[in-house]
Amino acid sequence: MDWTDLIDVAFDVLGGGHGREARNAAVRTVEAVAVPGEEPVAATAGRHPDHFRRGALVLTSHRLLFLKDGKPPLPVALGAVTDVTVVRTRINGEVLKVVALTGAHRFEDVVKAEPFAERIRAVAAEARRREAGAAAPAAAPPPADLLDQLERLERLAALHGAGALTDEEFARAKRRLIG
């Protein structure tokens, strides 16, 4: 499978409204940010909570990328992934949650989320093995309570950035959370 095939799969899952030019732009975007040795693995469609319309979730041998409307991709390094889960909700459909050392990422209304999550888990494990062979032994993943605290901090920052919290409210909530 090459980049064009992978993007075609993602756009087919996304459905109508995406012409050949949009597909070509997505291929160019992915090829521009690809690192040496990075190979396409799988693709599906989903929605990032910050966006109304769906985008393409593209899994490579090194990263998970979220592509939407020709914008720069949102990358998640697979070597840093510590957990991948899928939950089903009435409002948001199948929700894919990817927790990495760099933060937590949530994708809603994901098409065939569980098989895609399994692919992420497998490719992330391979990426960690590859990185461990190239570097010193990696530290153990952070405990679940630290990951939960990081996720809460991210939510606070998002609320603050959206204007739902004042600077003072944000600082107070952050202090309370950190302890």
N, C-alpha and C. Protein backbone atom coordinates (compact mmCIF):
# COMPACT_ATOMS: atom_id res chain seq x y z
N MET A 1 0.85 -1.18 0.00
CA MET A 1 0.00 0.00 0.00
C MET A 1 0.90 1.24 0.00
N ASP A 2 0.55 2.20 -0.85
CA ASP A 2 1.30 3.45 -0.85
C ASP A 2 0.42 4.56 -0.29
N TRP A 3 0.98 5.79 -0.24
CA TRP A 3 0.25 6.91 0.37
C TRP A 3 -1.05 7.21 -0.36
N THR A 4 -1.05 7.13 -1.67
CA THR A 4 -2.26 7.41 -2.44
C THR A 4 -3.35 6.40 -2.12
N ASP A 5 -2.99 5.12 -2.06
CA ASP A 5 -3.97 4.09 -1.71
C ASP A 5 -4.55 4.33 -0.32
N LEU A 6 -3.68 4.67 0.63
CA LEU A 6 -4.13 4.90 2.00
C LEU A 6 -5.08 6.09 2.08
N ILE A 7 -4.77 7.16 1.42
CA ILE A 7 -5.64 8.34 1.41
C ILE A 7 -6.96 8.02 0.71
N ASP A 8 -6.89 7.24 -0.38
CA ASP A 8 -8.13 6.85 -1.06
C ASP A 8 -9.04 6.06 -0.12
N VAL A 9 -8.45 5.15 0.67
CA VAL A 9 -9.24 4.39 1.65
C VAL A 9 -9.89 5.35 2.64
N ALA A 10 -9.11 6.28 3.16
CA ALA A 10 -9.65 7.23 4.15
C ALA A 10 -10.77 8.07 3.55
N PHE A 11 -10.59 8.57 2.34
CA PHE A 11 -11.61 9.40 1.72
C PHE A 11 -12.85 8.59 1.34
N ASP A 12 -12.67 7.33 0.99
CA ASP A 12 -13.83 6.48 0.70
C ASP A 12 -14.66 6.30 1.97
N VAL A 13 -14.00 6.14 3.10
CA VAL A 13 -14.71 6.02 4.38
C VAL A 13 -15.38 7.33 4.74
N LEU A 14 -14.72 8.46 4.43
CA LEU A 14 -15.31 9.77 4.72
C LEU A 14 -16.60 9.99 3.94
N GLY A 15 -16.69 9.45 2.77
CA GLY A 15 -17.90 9.61 1.97
C GLY A 15 -17.79 10.75 0.98
N GLY A 16 -18.92 11.13 0.41
CA GLY A 16 -18.98 12.13 -0.66
C GLY A 16 -18.49 13.50 -0.25
N GLY A 17 -18.39 14.35 -1.26
CA GLY A 17 -17.99 15.74 -1.01
C GLY A 17 -16.50 15.98 -1.09
N HIS A 18 -15.73 14.95 -1.39
CA HIS A 18 -14.27 15.10 -1.46
C HIS A 18 -13.83 14.67 -2.86
N GLY A 19 -13.42 15.63 -3.66
CA GLY A 19 -13.00 15.34 -5.03
C GLY A 19 -11.56 14.89 -5.11
N ARG A 20 -11.14 14.64 -6.32
CA ARG A 20 -9.78 14.17 -6.59
C ARG A 20 -8.75 15.18 -6.10
N GLU A 21 -9.03 16.49 -6.24
CA GLU A 21 -8.07 17.51 -5.80
C GLU A 21 -7.87 17.46 -4.29
N ALA A 22 -8.95 17.24 -3.53
CA ALA A 22 -8.83 17.13 -2.07
C ALA A 22 -8.00 15.90 -1.70
N ARG A 23 -8.20 14.81 -2.41
CA ARG A 23 -7.41 13.60 -2.15
C ARG A 23 -5.94 13.84 -2.47
N ASN A 24 -5.68 14.48 -3.60
CA ASN A 24 -4.29 14.77 -3.98
C ASN A 24 -3.63 15.70 -2.97
N ALA A 25 -4.38 16.69 -2.47
CA ALA A 25 -3.84 17.61 -1.46
C ALA A 25 -3.49 16.85 -0.18
N ALA A 26 -4.35 15.90 0.21
CA ALA A 26 -4.08 15.10 1.40
C ALA A 26 -2.84 14.23 1.21
N VAL A 27 -2.68 13.65 0.04
CA VAL A 27 -1.48 12.85 -0.25
C VAL A 27 -0.24 13.72 -0.16
N ARG A 28 -0.29 14.91 -0.76
CA ARG A 28 0.86 15.82 -0.71
C ARG A 28 1.17 16.22 0.74
N THR A 29 0.13 16.46 1.54
CA THR A 29 0.34 16.84 2.95
C THR A 29 1.05 15.73 3.70
N VAL A 30 0.57 14.50 3.54
CA VAL A 30 1.18 13.37 4.25
C VAL A 30 2.60 13.13 3.76
N GLU A 31 2.81 13.17 2.47
CA GLU A 31 4.16 12.95 1.94
C GLU A 31 5.13 14.03 2.41
N ALA A 32 4.62 15.27 2.58
CA ALA A 32 5.49 16.37 3.02
C ALA A 32 5.95 16.20 4.46
N VAL A 33 5.12 15.57 5.30
CA VAL A 33 5.49 15.43 6.71
C VAL A 33 6.04 14.05 7.05
N ALA A 34 6.06 13.15 6.07
CA ALA A 34 6.56 11.79 6.31
C ALA A 34 8.05 11.83 6.63
N VAL A 35 8.44 11.01 7.57
CA VAL A 35 9.85 10.90 7.93
C VAL A 35 10.46 9.72 7.17
N PRO A 36 11.77 9.70 7.00
CA PRO A 36 12.40 8.58 6.27
C PRO A 36 12.04 7.24 6.91
N GLY A 37 11.63 6.31 6.09
CA GLY A 37 11.27 4.98 6.57
C GLY A 37 9.82 4.85 7.02
N GLU A 38 9.06 5.94 7.02
CA GLU A 38 7.67 5.88 7.45
C GLU A 38 6.81 5.28 6.34
N GLU A 39 6.01 4.31 6.69
CA GLU A 39 5.18 3.60 5.72
C GLU A 39 3.71 3.72 6.10
N PRO A 40 2.82 3.74 5.11
CA PRO A 40 1.38 3.76 5.40
C PRO A 40 0.92 2.42 5.95
N VAL A 41 -0.04 2.44 6.87
CA VAL A 41 -0.54 1.21 7.48
C VAL A 41 -2.05 1.06 7.30
N ALA A 42 -2.82 2.04 7.79
CA ALA A 42 -4.28 1.93 7.74
C ALA A 42 -4.89 3.32 7.80
N ALA A 43 -6.19 3.39 7.47
CA ALA A 43 -6.88 4.68 7.53
C ALA A 43 -8.35 4.44 7.82
N THR A 44 -8.97 5.44 8.43
CA THR A 44 -10.41 5.44 8.67
C THR A 44 -10.85 6.89 8.79
N ALA A 45 -12.07 7.11 9.19
CA ALA A 45 -12.57 8.47 9.32
C ALA A 45 -13.08 8.68 10.74
N GLY A 46 -13.03 9.92 11.19
CA GLY A 46 -13.52 10.27 12.52
C GLY A 46 -13.56 11.78 12.65
N ARG A 47 -13.96 12.22 13.80
CA ARG A 47 -14.08 13.66 14.05
C ARG A 47 -13.31 14.00 15.31
N HIS A 48 -12.47 15.02 15.22
CA HIS A 48 -11.78 15.55 16.39
C HIS A 48 -12.78 16.43 17.11
N PRO A 49 -12.82 16.42 18.46
CA PRO A 49 -13.82 17.20 19.19
C PRO A 49 -13.77 18.70 18.89
N ASP A 50 -12.65 19.21 18.41
CA ASP A 50 -12.54 20.63 18.11
C ASP A 50 -13.09 20.98 16.73
N HIS A 51 -13.49 19.97 15.96
CA HIS A 51 -13.96 20.20 14.59
C HIS A 51 -15.36 19.62 14.43
N PHE A 52 -16.17 20.26 13.62
CA PHE A 52 -17.52 19.78 13.38
C PHE A 52 -17.54 18.66 12.35
N ARG A 53 -16.82 18.88 11.25
CA ARG A 53 -16.81 17.89 10.18
C ARG A 53 -15.78 16.81 10.43
N ARG A 54 -16.00 15.66 9.79
CA ARG A 54 -15.09 14.54 9.93
C ARG A 54 -13.81 14.77 9.15
N GLY A 55 -12.79 14.06 9.57
CA GLY A 55 -11.51 14.08 8.88
C GLY A 55 -11.01 12.66 8.74
N ALA A 56 -9.84 12.52 8.17
CA ALA A 56 -9.24 11.20 7.96
C ALA A 56 -8.24 10.92 9.08
N LEU A 57 -8.33 9.74 9.66
CA LEU A 57 -7.34 9.24 10.60
C LEU A 57 -6.42 8.31 9.83
N VAL A 58 -5.16 8.68 9.74
CA VAL A 58 -4.19 7.93 8.95
C VAL A 58 -3.13 7.36 9.89
N LEU A 59 -3.01 6.04 9.89
CA LEU A 59 -2.03 5.35 10.72
C LEU A 59 -0.83 5.01 9.86
N THR A 60 0.36 5.44 10.30
CA THR A 60 1.59 5.10 9.61
C THR A 60 2.43 4.23 10.53
N SER A 61 3.58 3.81 10.07
CA SER A 61 4.47 3.00 10.90
C SER A 61 5.06 3.80 12.06
N HIS A 62 4.97 5.14 12.02
CA HIS A 62 5.56 5.98 13.05
C HIS A 62 4.56 6.84 13.81
N ARG A 63 3.44 7.19 13.15
CA ARG A 63 2.52 8.16 13.76
C ARG A 63 1.07 7.87 13.39
N LEU A 64 0.19 8.48 14.19
CA LEU A 64 -1.22 8.58 13.86
C LEU A 64 -1.45 10.03 13.47
N LEU A 65 -2.03 10.25 12.29
CA LEU A 65 -2.25 11.61 11.80
C LEU A 65 -3.74 11.85 11.63
N PHE A 66 -4.20 13.05 11.99
CA PHE A 66 -5.58 13.46 11.73
C PHE A 66 -5.52 14.53 10.66
N LEU A 67 -6.13 14.25 9.50
CA LEU A 67 -6.12 15.18 8.36
C LEU A 67 -7.52 15.73 8.15
N LYS A 68 -7.59 17.05 7.99
CA LYS A 68 -8.89 17.67 7.74
C LYS A 68 -8.71 18.94 6.94
N ASP A 69 -9.45 19.05 5.85
CA ASP A 69 -9.56 20.27 5.05
C ASP A 69 -8.21 20.89 4.67
N GLY A 70 -7.21 20.09 4.35
CA GLY A 70 -5.93 20.61 3.90
C GLY A 70 -5.11 21.30 4.99
N LYS A 71 -5.55 21.20 6.25
CA LYS A 71 -4.80 21.81 7.35
C LYS A 71 -3.61 20.91 7.71
N PRO A 72 -2.61 21.47 8.40
CA PRO A 72 -1.49 20.62 8.82
C PRO A 72 -2.01 19.47 9.69
N PRO A 73 -1.47 18.29 9.52
CA PRO A 73 -1.97 17.14 10.27
C PRO A 73 -1.68 17.25 11.76
N LEU A 74 -2.59 16.69 12.55
CA LEU A 74 -2.39 16.57 13.99
C LEU A 74 -1.68 15.24 14.21
N PRO A 75 -0.38 15.24 14.58
CA PRO A 75 0.36 13.98 14.71
C PRO A 75 0.40 13.46 16.15
N VAL A 76 0.37 12.15 16.29
CA VAL A 76 0.58 11.48 17.57
C VAL A 76 1.67 10.44 17.34
N ALA A 77 2.83 10.62 17.97
CA ALA A 77 3.94 9.68 17.81
C ALA A 77 3.58 8.34 18.45
N LEU A 78 3.68 7.26 17.69
CA LEU A 78 3.26 5.96 18.19
C LEU A 78 4.18 5.41 19.27
N GLY A 79 5.44 5.80 19.25
CA GLY A 79 6.36 5.33 20.29
C GLY A 79 5.99 5.86 21.67
N ALA A 80 5.20 6.93 21.72
CA ALA A 80 4.79 7.53 22.99
C ALA A 80 3.40 7.08 23.44
N VAL A 81 2.72 6.27 22.64
CA VAL A 81 1.36 5.83 22.98
C VAL A 81 1.41 4.84 24.14
N THR A 82 0.60 5.12 25.17
CA THR A 82 0.56 4.24 26.34
C THR A 82 -0.76 3.49 26.45
N ASP A 83 -1.83 4.00 25.82
CA ASP A 83 -3.12 3.34 25.92
C ASP A 83 -4.01 3.73 24.74
N VAL A 84 -4.78 2.77 24.26
CA VAL A 84 -5.74 3.02 23.19
C VAL A 84 -7.04 2.33 23.60
N THR A 85 -8.13 3.10 23.70
CA THR A 85 -9.41 2.52 24.08
C THR A 85 -10.51 3.01 23.14
N VAL A 86 -11.59 2.23 23.10
CA VAL A 86 -12.76 2.60 22.32
C VAL A 86 -13.97 2.47 23.24
N VAL A 87 -14.80 3.51 23.25
CA VAL A 87 -16.06 3.48 23.98
C VAL A 87 -17.16 3.87 23.00
N ARG A 88 -18.36 3.40 23.27
CA ARG A 88 -19.51 3.76 22.44
C ARG A 88 -20.43 4.67 23.22
N THR A 89 -20.82 5.77 22.60
CA THR A 89 -21.75 6.70 23.23
C THR A 89 -22.92 6.94 22.29
N ARG A 90 -24.02 7.38 22.84
CA ARG A 90 -25.20 7.66 22.02
C ARG A 90 -24.99 8.88 21.14
N ILE A 91 -24.33 9.88 21.66
CA ILE A 91 -24.17 11.14 20.93
C ILE A 91 -22.99 11.11 19.98
N ASN A 92 -21.86 10.59 20.42
CA ASN A 92 -20.63 10.67 19.64
C ASN A 92 -20.24 9.36 18.96
N GLY A 93 -21.10 8.35 18.96
CA GLY A 93 -20.79 7.09 18.30
C GLY A 93 -19.60 6.40 18.95
N GLU A 94 -18.79 5.76 18.13
CA GLU A 94 -17.60 5.10 18.66
C GLU A 94 -16.51 6.14 18.87
N VAL A 95 -16.01 6.22 20.10
CA VAL A 95 -15.01 7.22 20.47
C VAL A 95 -13.68 6.50 20.68
N LEU A 96 -12.68 6.94 19.93
CA LEU A 96 -11.33 6.39 20.02
C LEU A 96 -10.51 7.34 20.88
N LYS A 97 -9.94 6.81 21.96
CA LYS A 97 -9.12 7.62 22.85
C LYS A 97 -7.69 7.07 22.82
N VAL A 98 -6.76 7.94 22.45
CA VAL A 98 -5.36 7.56 22.36
C VAL A 98 -4.58 8.38 23.39
N VAL A 99 -4.01 7.68 24.36
CA VAL A 99 -3.23 8.35 25.40
C VAL A 99 -1.75 8.15 25.08
N ALA A 100 -1.04 9.28 25.01
CA ALA A 100 0.39 9.23 24.73
C ALA A 100 1.11 10.06 25.79
N LEU A 101 2.40 9.91 25.87
CA LEU A 101 3.17 10.70 26.83
C LEU A 101 3.07 12.19 26.53
N THR A 102 2.71 12.52 25.29
CA THR A 102 2.57 13.92 24.87
C THR A 102 1.17 14.46 25.14
N GLY A 103 0.24 13.61 25.56
CA GLY A 103 -1.13 14.06 25.87
C GLY A 103 -2.15 13.05 25.42
N ALA A 104 -3.40 13.33 25.75
CA ALA A 104 -4.51 12.45 25.38
C ALA A 104 -5.22 13.03 24.16
N HIS A 105 -5.64 12.15 23.28
CA HIS A 105 -6.32 12.56 22.05
C HIS A 105 -7.61 11.77 21.93
N ARG A 106 -8.67 12.46 21.54
CA ARG A 106 -9.99 11.85 21.45
C ARG A 106 -10.54 12.10 20.05
N PHE A 107 -11.04 11.04 19.43
CA PHE A 107 -11.64 11.13 18.11
C PHE A 107 -13.02 10.50 18.20
N GLU A 108 -14.03 11.22 17.75
CA GLU A 108 -15.41 10.79 17.88
C GLU A 108 -15.95 10.27 16.55
N ASP A 109 -17.03 9.49 16.64
CA ASP A 109 -17.73 8.99 15.47
C ASP A 109 -16.74 8.31 14.50
N VAL A 110 -15.86 7.47 15.05
CA VAL A 110 -14.83 6.80 14.26
C VAL A 110 -15.44 5.57 13.59
N VAL A 111 -15.19 5.43 12.31
CA VAL A 111 -15.68 4.29 11.54
C VAL A 111 -14.81 3.07 11.86
N LYS A 112 -15.44 1.97 12.23
CA LYS A 112 -14.74 0.72 12.58
C LYS A 112 -13.63 1.00 13.58
N ALA A 113 -14.00 1.62 14.70
CA ALA A 113 -13.02 2.08 15.69
C ALA A 113 -12.24 0.94 16.33
N GLU A 114 -12.90 -0.16 16.69
CA GLU A 114 -12.19 -1.22 17.40
C GLU A 114 -11.12 -1.89 16.54
N PRO A 115 -11.38 -2.25 15.29
CA PRO A 115 -10.30 -2.81 14.47
C PRO A 115 -9.16 -1.79 14.25
N PHE A 116 -9.52 -0.52 14.11
CA PHE A 116 -8.50 0.51 13.93
C PHE A 116 -7.67 0.65 15.20
N ALA A 117 -8.32 0.58 16.37
CA ALA A 117 -7.60 0.66 17.65
C ALA A 117 -6.63 -0.51 17.79
N GLU A 118 -7.05 -1.72 17.36
CA GLU A 118 -6.16 -2.88 17.41
C GLU A 118 -4.92 -2.66 16.55
N ARG A 119 -5.11 -2.06 15.37
CA ARG A 119 -3.96 -1.77 14.50
C ARG A 119 -3.04 -0.77 15.17
N ILE A 120 -3.61 0.26 15.82
CA ILE A 120 -2.79 1.26 16.51
C ILE A 120 -1.98 0.59 17.60
N ARG A 121 -2.63 -0.27 18.40
CA ARG A 121 -1.91 -0.96 19.49
C ARG A 121 -0.73 -1.77 18.95
N ALA A 122 -0.98 -2.52 17.88
CA ALA A 122 0.08 -3.37 17.31
C ALA A 122 1.22 -2.54 16.74
N VAL A 123 0.89 -1.50 15.99
CA VAL A 123 1.93 -0.67 15.36
C VAL A 123 2.67 0.14 16.43
N ALA A 124 1.96 0.58 17.47
CA ALA A 124 2.61 1.32 18.57
C ALA A 124 3.59 0.42 19.31
N ALA A 125 3.21 -0.83 19.55
CA ALA A 125 4.12 -1.77 20.22
C ALA A 125 5.37 -1.97 19.38
N GLU A 126 5.20 -2.11 18.07
CA GLU A 126 6.34 -2.26 17.17
C GLU A 126 7.22 -1.00 17.17
N ALA A 127 6.59 0.17 17.19
CA ALA A 127 7.34 1.44 17.22
C ALA A 127 8.16 1.54 18.50
N ARG A 128 7.57 1.11 19.63
CA ARG A 128 8.31 1.15 20.90
C ARG A 128 9.50 0.19 20.86
N ARG A 129 9.29 -1.00 20.30
CA ARG A 129 10.40 -1.97 20.18
C ARG A 129 11.50 -1.40 19.29
N ARG A 130 11.10 -0.77 18.19
CA ARG A 130 12.07 -0.18 17.26
C ARG A 130 12.86 0.93 17.96
N GLU A 131 12.17 1.79 18.70
CA GLU A 131 12.84 2.88 19.40
C GLU A 131 13.71 2.37 20.54
N ALA A 132 13.28 1.31 21.21
CA ALA A 132 14.07 0.75 22.30
C ALA A 132 15.37 0.16 21.77
N GLY A 133 15.31 -0.42 20.59
CA GLY A 133 16.53 -0.96 19.97
C GLY A 133 17.49 0.12 19.54
N ALA A 134 16.97 1.30 19.21
CA ALA A 134 17.81 2.40 18.73
C ALA A 134 18.30 3.30 19.86
N ALA A 135 17.68 3.20 21.02
CA ALA A 135 18.04 4.10 22.13
C ALA A 135 18.22 3.28 23.41
N ALA A 136 18.48 3.99 24.47
CA ALA A 136 18.59 3.36 25.78
C ALA A 136 17.22 2.81 26.18
N PRO A 137 17.19 1.88 27.12
CA PRO A 137 15.91 1.33 27.55
C PRO A 137 14.95 2.45 27.98
N ALA A 138 13.71 2.34 27.53
CA ALA A 138 12.71 3.37 27.84
C ALA A 138 12.23 3.23 29.28
N ALA A 139 11.84 4.34 29.84
CA ALA A 139 11.28 4.32 31.19
C ALA A 139 9.89 3.70 31.14
N ALA A 140 9.43 3.23 32.29
CA ALA A 140 8.09 2.67 32.38
C ALA A 140 7.06 3.75 32.10
N PRO A 141 5.92 3.39 31.54
CA PRO A 141 4.90 4.40 31.28
C PRO A 141 4.42 5.02 32.59
N PRO A 142 3.98 6.27 32.54
CA PRO A 142 3.53 6.91 33.78
C PRO A 142 2.31 6.21 34.35
N PRO A 143 2.13 6.29 35.66
CA PRO A 143 0.98 5.64 36.28
C PRO A 143 -0.33 6.26 35.78
N ALA A 144 -1.40 5.49 35.92
CA ALA A 144 -2.71 5.92 35.41
C ALA A 144 -3.17 7.23 36.04
N ASP A 145 -2.87 7.43 37.34
CA ASP A 145 -3.31 8.67 37.99
C ASP A 145 -2.61 9.89 37.39
N LEU A 146 -1.36 9.74 36.96
CA LEU A 146 -0.66 10.85 36.31
C LEU A 146 -1.28 11.14 34.95
N LEU A 147 -1.63 10.08 34.21
CA LEU A 147 -2.28 10.27 32.91
C LEU A 147 -3.62 10.96 33.08
N ASP A 148 -4.37 10.56 34.14
CA ASP A 148 -5.66 11.20 34.41
C ASP A 148 -5.46 12.67 34.74
N GLN A 149 -4.44 12.98 35.51
CA GLN A 149 -4.15 14.37 35.87
C GLN A 149 -3.76 15.18 34.62
N LEU A 150 -2.97 14.60 33.74
CA LEU A 150 -2.60 15.28 32.50
C LEU A 150 -3.83 15.55 31.64
N GLU A 151 -4.73 14.57 31.56
CA GLU A 151 -5.95 14.76 30.78
C GLU A 151 -6.81 15.89 31.37
N ARG A 152 -6.91 15.94 32.68
CA ARG A 152 -7.68 17.01 33.32
C ARG A 152 -7.05 18.38 33.07
N LEU A 153 -5.71 18.43 33.12
CA LEU A 153 -5.03 19.69 32.82
C LEU A 153 -5.29 20.13 31.38
N GLU A 154 -5.27 19.17 30.47
CA GLU A 154 -5.56 19.50 29.07
C GLU A 154 -6.97 20.05 28.91
N ARG A 155 -7.94 19.43 29.61
CA ARG A 155 -9.32 19.92 29.53
C ARG A 155 -9.44 21.32 30.09
N LEU A 156 -8.74 21.58 31.21
CA LEU A 156 -8.75 22.93 31.79
C LEU A 156 -8.17 23.94 30.81
N ALA A 157 -7.05 23.57 30.19
CA ALA A 157 -6.41 24.48 29.24
C ALA A 157 -7.33 24.74 28.05
N ALA A 158 -8.04 23.72 27.60
CA ALA A 158 -8.97 23.89 26.48
C ALA A 158 -10.11 24.83 26.88
N LEU A 159 -10.65 24.66 28.09
CA LEU A 159 -11.71 25.55 28.57
C LEU A 159 -11.20 26.98 28.68
N HIS A 160 -9.99 27.15 29.20
CA HIS A 160 -9.39 28.47 29.33
C HIS A 160 -9.18 29.09 27.96
N GLY A 161 -8.65 28.29 27.02
CA GLY A 161 -8.41 28.79 25.67
C GLY A 161 -9.70 29.17 24.95
N ALA A 162 -10.79 28.49 25.28
CA ALA A 162 -12.08 28.78 24.66
C ALA A 162 -12.79 29.96 25.32
N GLY A 163 -12.22 30.46 26.42
CA GLY A 163 -12.81 31.60 27.10
C GLY A 163 -13.84 31.23 28.14
N ALA A 164 -14.00 29.93 28.43
CA ALA A 164 -14.97 29.50 29.43
C ALA A 164 -14.46 29.73 30.85
N LEU A 165 -13.15 29.85 31.02
CA LEU A 165 -12.55 30.13 32.32
C LEU A 165 -11.70 31.39 32.23
N THR A 166 -11.80 32.22 33.25
CA THR A 166 -10.94 33.40 33.30
C THR A 166 -9.54 32.96 33.70
N ASP A 167 -8.57 33.88 33.59
CA ASP A 167 -7.20 33.55 33.99
C ASP A 167 -7.15 33.15 35.46
N GLU A 168 -7.90 33.86 36.29
CA GLU A 168 -7.91 33.57 37.72
C GLU A 168 -8.54 32.20 38.00
N GLU A 169 -9.67 31.90 37.35
CA GLU A 169 -10.33 30.61 37.54
C GLU A 169 -9.43 29.47 37.06
N PHE A 170 -8.77 29.69 35.93
CA PHE A 170 -7.88 28.68 35.39
C PHE A 170 -6.72 28.41 36.36
N ALA A 171 -6.09 29.48 36.86
CA ALA A 171 -4.96 29.33 37.79
C ALA A 171 -5.39 28.62 39.06
N ARG A 172 -6.57 28.98 39.58
CA ARG A 172 -7.07 28.36 40.82
C ARG A 172 -7.37 26.87 40.58
N ALA A 173 -8.02 26.54 39.49
CA ALA A 173 -8.33 25.15 39.19
C ALA A 173 -7.07 24.34 38.96
N LYS A 174 -6.09 24.93 38.30
CA LYS A 174 -4.82 24.23 38.06
C LYS A 174 -4.09 23.95 39.38
N ARG A 175 -4.05 24.96 40.27
CA ARG A 175 -3.42 24.75 41.57
C ARG A 175 -4.12 23.65 42.35
N ARG A 176 -5.46 23.66 42.32
CA ARG A 176 -6.24 22.66 43.04
C ARG A 176 -5.96 21.26 42.47
N LEU A 177 -5.86 21.15 41.16
CA LEU A 177 -5.62 19.87 40.51
C LEU A 177 -4.21 19.34 40.81
N ILE A 178 -3.23 20.23 40.74
CA ILE A 178 -1.84 19.82 40.96
C ILE A 178 -1.60 19.49 42.42
N GLY A 179 -2.35 20.18 43.29
CA GLY A 179 -2.31 19.84 44.70
C GLY A 179 -1.41 20.73 45.49
